[in-house]
Amino acid sequence: ASGTAHITQHLAMDCEMVGVGDDGTSALAQVCIVNWTGHIVYLKYVKPIERITDYRTFVSGIRPEHMRRAHDFKTVQHEVGRIIKDKILVGHALKNDLDVLMFTHPRQLTRDT
């Protein structure tokens, strides 16, 4: 579910991916966004468009039961886009997270660790 914490100018985001299709391409399975004080602003599981072939549980923590309460990709994509717009986005390997969300984010607003 989405958090109720205040959205601050600085936000940190992390996405978890699963493998889909015959080639195990990465697909979004979870998005978490926290604010400047570390409180959860947004946390949702995402149902990939393609069939999951590798949950990558050892890395992602994602299990089949999480997908039962997962949300539609387009809905999550829209909500996340609205939250991070014009914010300073902090994260590790953010390019991968932004790619899986099919987003770009202004370089001057990105702090990638």
Foldseek 3Di string as FASTA:
>chain_A
DFDPDDQDLEKEKDFAWFFFDPVGDTATFWIWIAHPVGHTGGIFGADGPGHGDGRPCVPRVDDPVSNVRHDYLVVVLVVVCVRCVNGQYEYEPVVVVCVNSVHDDDPVSYHYD
